[in-house]
N, C-alpha and C. Protein backbone atom coordinates (compact mmCIF):
# COMPACT_ATOMS: atom_id res chain seq x y z
N UNK A 1 -28.25 1.18 -43.40
CA UNK A 1 -27.19 -0.07 -43.30
C UNK A 1 -26.73 -0.55 -44.45
N UNK A 2 -25.37 -0.87 -44.44
CA UNK A 2 -24.70 -1.29 -45.69
C UNK A 2 -24.96 -2.76 -45.88
N UNK A 3 -25.47 -3.22 -47.10
CA UNK A 3 -25.65 -4.27 -47.45
C UNK A 3 -24.38 -4.86 -48.16
N UNK A 4 -23.60 -5.65 -47.57
CA UNK A 4 -22.16 -5.98 -47.72
C UNK A 4 -22.11 -7.12 -49.02
N UNK A 5 -23.45 -7.59 -49.33
CA UNK A 5 -23.20 -8.57 -50.48
C UNK A 5 -23.37 -7.83 -51.78
N UNK A 6 -23.56 -6.38 -51.67
CA UNK A 6 -23.68 -5.63 -52.93
C UNK A 6 -22.38 -4.94 -53.16
N UNK A 7 -21.47 -5.03 -52.10
CA UNK A 7 -19.97 -4.27 -52.45
C UNK A 7 -19.15 -5.07 -53.39
N UNK A 8 -18.71 -4.78 -54.27
CA UNK A 8 -17.90 -5.25 -55.15
C UNK A 8 -16.62 -5.85 -54.50
N UNK A 9 -16.16 -7.12 -54.89
CA UNK A 9 -14.97 -7.48 -54.14
C UNK A 9 -13.91 -7.38 -55.39
N UNK A 10 -12.87 -6.81 -54.88
CA UNK A 10 -11.50 -6.74 -55.76
C UNK A 10 -10.33 -6.96 -54.97
N UNK A 11 -9.60 -7.66 -55.64
CA UNK A 11 -8.47 -8.13 -55.02
C UNK A 11 -7.24 -8.31 -55.75
N UNK A 12 -5.99 -8.05 -55.21
CA UNK A 12 -4.82 -7.92 -55.99
C UNK A 12 -4.61 -9.33 -56.29
N UNK A 13 -3.67 -9.46 -57.49
CA UNK A 13 -2.96 -10.95 -57.67
C UNK A 13 -2.62 -11.49 -56.61
N UNK A 14 -1.64 -11.03 -55.86
CA UNK A 14 -1.06 -11.44 -54.64
C UNK A 14 -1.97 -12.15 -53.58
N UNK A 15 -3.03 -11.25 -53.38
CA UNK A 15 -3.98 -11.61 -52.39
C UNK A 15 -5.05 -12.95 -52.77
N UNK A 16 -5.30 -12.90 -54.25
CA UNK A 16 -5.83 -14.20 -54.69
C UNK A 16 -5.01 -15.28 -54.55
N UNK A 17 -3.65 -15.34 -54.86
CA UNK A 17 -2.77 -16.46 -54.75
C UNK A 17 -2.74 -16.92 -53.30
N UNK A 18 -2.79 -16.12 -52.62
CA UNK A 18 -2.66 -16.67 -50.90
C UNK A 18 -4.12 -17.33 -50.46
N UNK A 19 -5.16 -16.47 -51.00
CA UNK A 19 -6.48 -17.05 -50.40
C UNK A 19 -7.56 -17.62 -51.51
N UNK A 20 -7.06 -18.04 -52.52
CA UNK A 20 -8.07 -18.50 -53.38
C UNK A 20 -9.20 -19.07 -53.12
N UNK A 21 -9.21 -20.03 -51.99
CA UNK A 21 -10.32 -20.94 -51.64
C UNK A 21 -11.25 -19.90 -50.93
N UNK A 22 -10.82 -18.99 -50.39
CA UNK A 22 -11.95 -17.88 -49.76
C UNK A 22 -12.57 -17.23 -50.56
N UNK A 23 -11.74 -16.86 -51.90
CA UNK A 23 -12.49 -16.10 -52.87
C UNK A 23 -13.35 -16.92 -53.70
N UNK A 24 -13.07 -18.18 -53.78
CA UNK A 24 -13.99 -19.06 -54.28
C UNK A 24 -15.27 -19.24 -53.59
N UNK A 25 -15.18 -19.14 -52.17
CA UNK A 25 -16.53 -19.45 -51.48
C UNK A 25 -17.31 -18.18 -51.67
N UNK A 26 -16.69 -17.03 -51.90
CA UNK A 26 -17.48 -15.96 -52.12
C UNK A 26 -18.19 -15.96 -53.36
N UNK A 27 -17.54 -16.66 -54.45
CA UNK A 27 -18.02 -16.75 -55.85
C UNK A 27 -19.33 -17.69 -55.73
N UNK A 28 -19.05 -18.85 -55.03
CA UNK A 28 -19.98 -20.05 -54.84
C UNK A 28 -21.34 -19.35 -54.07
N UNK A 29 -21.16 -18.16 -53.40
CA UNK A 29 -22.41 -17.44 -52.86
C UNK A 29 -22.96 -16.46 -53.80
N UNK A 30 -22.59 -16.52 -54.91
CA UNK A 30 -23.06 -15.53 -55.92
C UNK A 30 -22.47 -14.21 -56.13
N UNK A 31 -21.17 -13.99 -55.59
CA UNK A 31 -20.59 -12.89 -55.68
C UNK A 31 -19.56 -12.95 -56.85
N UNK A 32 -19.20 -11.46 -57.41
CA UNK A 32 -18.07 -11.74 -58.41
C UNK A 32 -16.97 -11.11 -57.73
N UNK A 33 -15.54 -11.68 -58.07
CA UNK A 33 -14.37 -11.20 -57.68
C UNK A 33 -13.86 -10.64 -58.89
N UNK A 34 -13.14 -9.39 -58.76
CA UNK A 34 -12.43 -8.88 -59.65
C UNK A 34 -11.04 -8.65 -59.48
N UNK A 35 -10.00 -9.28 -60.21
CA UNK A 35 -8.84 -9.36 -59.93
C UNK A 35 -8.03 -8.06 -60.45
N UNK A 36 -7.47 -7.29 -59.56
CA UNK A 36 -6.84 -6.35 -60.05
C UNK A 36 -5.23 -6.33 -60.04
N UNK A 37 -4.64 -5.44 -60.80
CA UNK A 37 -3.08 -5.38 -60.72
C UNK A 37 -2.47 -3.98 -60.98
N UNK A 38 -1.25 -3.88 -59.86
CA UNK A 38 -0.62 -2.53 -59.83
C UNK A 38 -1.05 -1.54 -58.77
N UNK A 39 -0.58 -0.62 -58.66
CA UNK A 39 -1.03 0.52 -57.90
C UNK A 39 -2.26 1.14 -58.44
N UNK A 40 -2.44 1.23 -59.64
CA UNK A 40 -3.66 1.85 -60.18
C UNK A 40 -4.86 0.80 -60.00
N UNK A 41 -4.78 -0.17 -59.53
CA UNK A 41 -5.78 -1.33 -59.50
C UNK A 41 -6.42 -1.54 -60.87
N UNK A 42 -5.79 -1.89 -61.88
CA UNK A 42 -6.40 -2.17 -63.22
C UNK A 42 -6.86 -3.51 -63.23
N UNK A 43 -8.14 -3.44 -63.61
CA UNK A 43 -8.90 -4.83 -63.64
C UNK A 43 -8.24 -5.70 -64.82
N UNK A 44 -8.06 -6.97 -64.49
CA UNK A 44 -7.34 -7.89 -65.40
C UNK A 44 -8.10 -9.10 -65.54
N UNK A 45 -8.88 -9.61 -64.53
CA UNK A 45 -9.82 -10.72 -64.69
C UNK A 45 -10.75 -10.72 -63.72
N UNK A 46 -11.77 -11.25 -63.99
CA UNK A 46 -13.07 -11.64 -63.35
C UNK A 46 -13.43 -12.86 -63.02
N UNK A 47 -13.78 -13.24 -61.72
CA UNK A 47 -14.32 -14.70 -61.29
C UNK A 47 -15.68 -14.78 -61.03
N UNK A 48 -16.32 -15.15 -61.73
CA UNK A 48 -17.99 -15.06 -61.76
C UNK A 48 -18.42 -16.60 -61.57
N UNK A 49 -19.74 -16.55 -60.85
CA UNK A 49 -20.35 -17.87 -60.42
C UNK A 49 -21.10 -18.43 -62.11
N UNK A 50 -20.98 -19.50 -62.00
CA UNK A 50 -21.56 -20.10 -63.19
C UNK A 50 -22.98 -20.75 -62.88
N UNK A 51 -23.81 -20.90 -63.93
CA UNK A 51 -25.04 -21.64 -63.64
C UNK A 51 -24.75 -23.06 -63.58
N UNK A 52 -25.39 -23.68 -62.57
CA UNK A 52 -25.22 -25.38 -62.39
C UNK A 52 -25.73 -26.12 -63.53
N UNK A 53 -25.20 -26.88 -63.91
CA UNK A 53 -25.46 -27.69 -65.16
C UNK A 53 -27.02 -28.29 -64.95
N UNK A 54 -27.70 -28.03 -66.17
CA UNK A 54 -29.13 -28.44 -66.16
C UNK A 54 -29.32 -30.15 -66.21
N UNK A 55 -30.28 -30.66 -65.66
CA UNK A 55 -30.22 -32.16 -65.68
C UNK A 55 -31.07 -32.61 -66.92
N UNK A 56 -30.15 -33.60 -67.31
CA UNK A 56 -30.62 -34.14 -68.53
C UNK A 56 -31.56 -35.04 -68.75
N UNK A 57 -32.45 -35.01 -69.79
CA UNK A 57 -33.45 -35.97 -69.71
C UNK A 57 -32.88 -37.48 -70.25
N UNK A 58 -33.20 -38.41 -69.73
CA UNK A 58 -32.57 -39.64 -70.14
C UNK A 58 -33.36 -40.02 -71.63
N UNK A 59 -32.23 -40.49 -72.16
CA UNK A 59 -32.57 -40.95 -73.80
C UNK A 59 -32.42 -42.61 -73.69
N UNK A 60 -33.37 -43.12 -74.23
CA UNK A 60 -33.48 -44.38 -74.43
C UNK A 60 -33.22 -44.94 -75.87
N UNK A 61 -32.03 -44.21 -76.36
CA UNK A 61 -31.78 -44.54 -77.94
C UNK A 61 -32.82 -44.39 -78.84
N UNK A 62 -32.85 -45.43 -79.63
CA UNK A 62 -33.69 -45.30 -80.82
C UNK A 62 -35.30 -45.41 -80.16
N UNK A 63 -35.61 -45.80 -79.20
CA UNK A 63 -36.96 -45.61 -78.59
C UNK A 63 -37.25 -44.34 -78.16
N UNK A 64 -36.48 -43.30 -78.04
CA UNK A 64 -36.90 -41.88 -77.43
C UNK A 64 -37.88 -41.45 -78.39
N UNK A 65 -37.98 -41.59 -79.68
CA UNK A 65 -38.93 -40.92 -80.37
C UNK A 65 -40.36 -41.86 -80.42
N UNK A 66 -40.44 -42.72 -79.86
CA UNK A 66 -41.69 -43.65 -79.79
C UNK A 66 -42.37 -43.31 -78.53
N UNK A 67 -42.09 -42.24 -77.88
CA UNK A 67 -42.87 -41.75 -76.45
C UNK A 67 -42.07 -42.38 -75.29
N UNK A 68 -42.67 -42.07 -74.24
CA UNK A 68 -42.06 -42.44 -72.91
C UNK A 68 -42.00 -43.59 -72.69
N UNK A 69 -41.04 -44.16 -71.81
CA UNK A 69 -41.07 -45.49 -71.18
C UNK A 69 -41.70 -45.49 -69.74
N UNK A 70 -42.55 -46.31 -69.52
CA UNK A 70 -43.37 -46.56 -68.33
C UNK A 70 -43.39 -47.91 -67.95
N UNK A 71 -42.92 -48.07 -66.60
CA UNK A 71 -42.95 -49.32 -65.92
C UNK A 71 -44.07 -49.62 -65.05
N UNK A 72 -44.74 -50.74 -65.28
CA UNK A 72 -45.75 -50.92 -64.44
C UNK A 72 -45.25 -51.07 -62.97
N UNK A 73 -46.15 -50.84 -62.14
CA UNK A 73 -45.94 -50.98 -60.49
C UNK A 73 -45.73 -52.37 -60.24
N UNK A 74 -46.34 -53.32 -60.70
CA UNK A 74 -46.28 -54.72 -60.31
C UNK A 74 -45.18 -55.34 -61.37
N UNK A 75 -44.00 -54.58 -62.20
CA UNK A 75 -43.17 -55.13 -62.89
C UNK A 75 -42.10 -55.64 -62.01
N UNK A 76 -41.45 -56.80 -62.40
CA UNK A 76 -40.28 -57.61 -61.48
C UNK A 76 -39.34 -57.94 -62.54
N UNK A 77 -38.35 -58.26 -61.97
CA UNK A 77 -37.13 -58.92 -62.66
C UNK A 77 -36.19 -59.45 -61.61
N UNK A 78 -35.89 -60.76 -61.65
CA UNK A 78 -35.08 -61.31 -60.84
C UNK A 78 -33.66 -61.00 -61.20
N UNK A 79 -32.90 -61.05 -60.28
CA UNK A 79 -31.30 -60.94 -60.59
C UNK A 79 -30.86 -61.73 -61.63
N UNK A 80 -31.27 -63.09 -61.84
CA UNK A 80 -30.70 -64.03 -62.77
C UNK A 80 -31.51 -63.60 -64.14
N UNK A 81 -32.43 -63.07 -64.20
CA UNK A 81 -33.09 -62.73 -65.25
C UNK A 81 -32.48 -61.38 -65.86
N UNK A 82 -31.79 -60.46 -65.01
CA UNK A 82 -31.14 -59.23 -65.31
C UNK A 82 -29.84 -59.59 -65.77
N UNK A 83 -29.02 -60.58 -65.06
CA UNK A 83 -27.66 -61.02 -65.53
C UNK A 83 -27.82 -61.62 -66.82
N UNK A 84 -28.76 -62.44 -67.12
CA UNK A 84 -28.61 -63.04 -68.48
C UNK A 84 -29.26 -62.19 -69.72
N UNK A 85 -29.42 -60.98 -69.43
CA UNK A 85 -29.92 -60.22 -70.53
C UNK A 85 -28.82 -60.09 -71.55
């Protein structure tokens, strides 16, 4: 049985122009699309998936070097106190 996920995707420039959205769906599913040109299908470009951005750790400015910031479960602030900060 053929695993179609392993078959390389090659597309002519005109095909990519017409159906870029469809090729981007393939890329979002982890596939690589090679764009080829001419009768000899010379590869000229490749569209590859990128890694999603890593989540950044929140930085509390100058306090970041002094340890983690922890709020108590019973910590409360009214809207008026918050607005007047």
